[in-house]
Amino acid sequence: MAKVLPLSEDAFESTIRENAGKIIVDFWAPWCGPCRSLGKVLDAIAAERDDISIYKINVDKCSFLAEQYDISSIPALLFFDKGKMIDLTVGMMMKQDIVAKFH
């Protein structure tokens, strides 16, 4: 069973570059209610899908990355496929809509 893993600014680039698969990066904060709700959805996806790697970035601790990707509202999801960003979404999403980003 896969799980959602924390990701630091230092490890971000190498994690994206070295993973040739599908990646979701969740920009969140512990004080954000919608972020916690979306976190449960991402946990469910991680438990069901071995082909999608999911990482969390705390915007309070990684403000440089949030700024680099122009994240002004959270929760925000970045979608990467084969090392290239394919989409960015802001706000709550349903599980099937998240997974559909890779089809």
C-alpha atoms as a PDB file:
ATOM      1  CA  MET A   1       0.000   0.000   0.000  1.00  0.00           C
ATOM      2  CA  ALA A   2       1.468   3.327  -1.085  1.00  0.00           C
ATOM      3  CA  LYS A   3       1.151   6.446   0.997  1.00  0.00           C
ATOM      4  CA  VAL A   4       1.372  10.191   0.593  1.00  0.00           C
ATOM      5  CA  LEU A   5       4.902  11.329   1.428  1.00  0.00           C
ATOM      6  CA  PRO A   6       6.207  14.701   2.590  1.00  0.00           C
ATOM      7  CA  LEU A   7       8.534  16.464   0.173  1.00  0.00           C
ATOM      8  CA  SER A   8      11.085  19.174   0.957  1.00  0.00           C
ATOM      9  CA  GLU A   9      12.307  21.985  -1.259  1.00  0.00           C
ATOM     10  CA  ASP A  10      15.751  20.367  -1.386  1.00  0.00           C
ATOM     11  CA  ALA A  11      14.385  17.073  -2.711  1.00  0.00           C
ATOM     12  CA  PHE A  12      11.711  18.468  -5.038  1.00  0.00           C
ATOM     13  CA  GLU A  13      13.630  18.749  -8.324  1.00  0.00           C
ATOM     14  CA  SER A  14      15.397  15.405  -8.018  1.00  0.00           C
ATOM     15  CA  THR A  15      12.173  13.628  -7.017  1.00  0.00           C
ATOM     16  CA  ILE A  16      10.332  14.951 -10.059  1.00  0.00           C
ATOM     17  CA  ARG A  17      13.256  14.365 -12.417  1.00  0.00           C
ATOM     18  CA  GLU A  18      14.058  10.838 -11.199  1.00  0.00           C
ATOM     19  CA  ASN A  19      10.469   9.568 -11.204  1.00  0.00           C
ATOM     20  CA  ALA A  20       9.461   8.644 -14.751  1.00  0.00           C
ATOM     21  CA  GLY A  21       5.872   7.990 -13.727  1.00  0.00           C
ATOM     22  CA  LYS A  22       2.817   9.940 -12.668  1.00  0.00           C
ATOM     23  CA  ILE A  23       3.223  12.351  -9.753  1.00  0.00           C
ATOM     24  CA  ILE A  24       0.813  14.542  -7.814  1.00  0.00           C
ATOM     25  CA  VAL A  25       2.268  17.258  -5.591  1.00  0.00           C
ATOM     26  CA  ASP A  26      -0.138  18.638  -2.991  1.00  0.00           C
ATOM     27  CA  PHE A  27       0.605  22.166  -1.740  1.00  0.00           C
ATOM     28  CA  TRP A  28      -1.133  22.380   1.624  1.00  0.00           C
ATOM     29  CA  ALA A  29      -0.959  23.781   5.175  1.00  0.00           C
ATOM     30  CA  PRO A  30      -2.018  22.174   8.453  1.00  0.00           C
ATOM     31  CA  TRP A  31      -4.327  25.109   9.295  1.00  0.00           C
ATOM     32  CA  CYS A  32      -6.249  24.772   5.985  1.00  0.00           C
ATOM     33  CA  GLY A  33      -9.550  22.872   6.369  1.00  0.00           C
ATOM     34  CA  PRO A  34     -10.013  22.150   2.638  1.00  0.00           C
ATOM     35  CA  CYS A  35      -6.403  20.905   2.544  1.00  0.00           C
ATOM     36  CA  ARG A  36      -7.173  18.344   5.237  1.00  0.00           C
ATOM     37  CA  SER A  37     -10.267  17.198   3.332  1.00  0.00           C
ATOM     38  CA  LEU A  38      -8.326  16.873   0.084  1.00  0.00           C
ATOM     39  CA  GLY A  39      -5.607  15.030   1.996  1.00  0.00           C
ATOM     40  CA  LYS A  40      -8.089  12.247   2.767  1.00  0.00           C
ATOM     41  CA  VAL A  41      -8.911  11.952  -0.932  1.00  0.00           C
ATOM     42  CA  LEU A  42      -5.202  11.785  -1.804  1.00  0.00           C
ATOM     43  CA  ASP A  43      -4.647   9.137   0.889  1.00  0.00           C
ATOM     44  CA  ALA A  44      -7.379   7.034  -0.746  1.00  0.00           C
ATOM     45  CA  ILE A  45      -5.803   7.414  -4.190  1.00  0.00           C
ATOM     46  CA  ALA A  46      -2.376   6.463  -2.808  1.00  0.00           C
ATOM     47  CA  ALA A  47      -3.861   3.343  -1.212  1.00  0.00           C
ATOM     48  CA  GLU A  48      -5.572   2.286  -4.447  1.00  0.00           C
ATOM     49  CA  ARG A  49      -3.120   3.306  -7.159  1.00  0.00           C
ATOM     50  CA  ASP A  50       0.485   2.095  -7.249  1.00  0.00           C
ATOM     51  CA  ASP A  51       1.065   3.891 -10.553  1.00  0.00           C
ATOM     52  CA  ILE A  52       0.676   7.386  -9.035  1.00  0.00           C
ATOM     53  CA  SER A  53       3.187   8.833  -6.562  1.00  0.00           C
ATOM     54  CA  ILE A  54       1.758  11.507  -4.267  1.00  0.00           C
ATOM     55  CA  TYR A  55       3.790  14.045  -2.300  1.00  0.00           C
ATOM     56  CA  LYS A  56       2.806  16.834   0.095  1.00  0.00           C
ATOM     57  CA  ILE A  57       4.519  20.204   0.394  1.00  0.00           C
ATOM     58  CA  ASN A  58       3.742  22.364   3.414  1.00  0.00           C
ATOM     59  CA  VAL A  59       3.568  25.921   2.053  1.00  0.00           C
ATOM     60  CA  ASP A  60       4.491  27.352   5.452  1.00  0.00           C
ATOM     61  CA  LYS A  61       7.812  25.488   5.323  1.00  0.00           C
ATOM     62  CA  CYS A  62       8.443  25.604   1.574  1.00  0.00           C
ATOM     63  CA  SER A  63       7.443  29.104   0.539  1.00  0.00           C
ATOM     64  CA  PHE A  64      10.089  29.250  -2.213  1.00  0.00           C
ATOM     65  CA  LEU A  65       8.463  26.369  -4.112  1.00  0.00           C
ATOM     66  CA  ALA A  66       5.007  27.828  -3.646  1.00  0.00           C
ATOM     67  CA  GLU A  67       6.280  31.100  -5.079  1.00  0.00           C
ATOM     68  CA  GLN A  68       8.139  29.354  -7.920  1.00  0.00           C
ATOM     69  CA  TYR A  69       4.948  27.618  -9.050  1.00  0.00           C
ATOM     70  CA  ASP A  70       2.812  30.718  -8.416  1.00  0.00           C
ATOM     71  CA  ILE A  71       0.706  29.015  -5.736  1.00  0.00           C
ATOM     72  CA  SER A  72      -1.446  31.764  -4.228  1.00  0.00           C
ATOM     73  CA  SER A  73      -4.318  29.616  -2.941  1.00  0.00           C
ATOM     74  CA  ILE A  74      -4.385  26.204  -1.336  1.00  0.00           C
ATOM     75  CA  PRO A  75      -5.017  23.361  -1.636  1.00  0.00           C
ATOM     76  CA  ALA A  76      -3.230  23.284  -4.981  1.00  0.00           C
ATOM     77  CA  LEU A  77      -2.223  20.186  -6.902  1.00  0.00           C
ATOM     78  CA  LEU A  78       0.552  19.955  -9.481  1.00  0.00           C
ATOM     79  CA  PHE A  79       0.349  17.016 -11.866  1.00  0.00           C
ATOM     80  CA  PHE A  80       3.528  15.658 -13.454  1.00  0.00           C
ATOM     81  CA  ASP A  81       3.865  12.889 -16.013  1.00  0.00           C
ATOM     82  CA  LYS A  82       7.313  11.664 -17.034  1.00  0.00           C
ATOM     83  CA  GLY A  83       8.924  14.664 -15.339  1.00  0.00           C
ATOM     84  CA  LYS A  84       6.801  17.313 -17.083  1.00  0.00           C
ATOM     85  CA  MET A  85       4.075  19.340 -15.430  1.00  0.00           C
ATOM     86  CA  ILE A  86       0.784  18.643 -17.190  1.00  0.00           C
ATOM     87  CA  ASP A  87      -1.684  20.551 -15.000  1.00  0.00           C
ATOM     88  CA  LEU A  88      -2.239  22.661 -11.897  1.00  0.00           C
ATOM     89  CA  THR A  89      -5.524  22.787  -9.999  1.00  0.00           C
ATOM     90  CA  VAL A  90      -6.674  24.819  -7.011  1.00  0.00           C
ATOM     91  CA  GLY A  91      -9.359  23.801  -4.545  1.00  0.00           C
ATOM     92  CA  MET A  92     -11.138  20.647  -3.563  1.00  0.00           C
ATOM     93  CA  MET A  93     -11.440  17.890  -6.169  1.00  0.00           C
ATOM     94  CA  MET A  94     -13.197  14.551  -6.353  1.00  0.00           C
ATOM     95  CA  LYS A  95     -11.074  11.398  -6.510  1.00  0.00           C
ATOM     96  CA  GLN A  96     -12.196  10.463 -10.024  1.00  0.00           C
ATOM     97  CA  ASP A  97     -11.388  13.966 -11.319  1.00  0.00           C
ATOM     98  CA  ILE A  98      -7.872  13.811  -9.871  1.00  0.00           C
ATOM     99  CA  VAL A  99      -7.136  10.397 -11.381  1.00  0.00           C
ATOM    100  CA  ALA A 100      -8.617  11.478 -14.733  1.00  0.00           C
ATOM    101  CA  LYS A 101      -5.885  14.115 -15.105  1.00  0.00           C
ATOM    102  CA  PHE A 102      -3.571  11.296 -16.227  1.00  0.00           C
ATOM    103  CA  HIS A 103      -5.833   9.911 -18.986  1.00  0.00           C
END
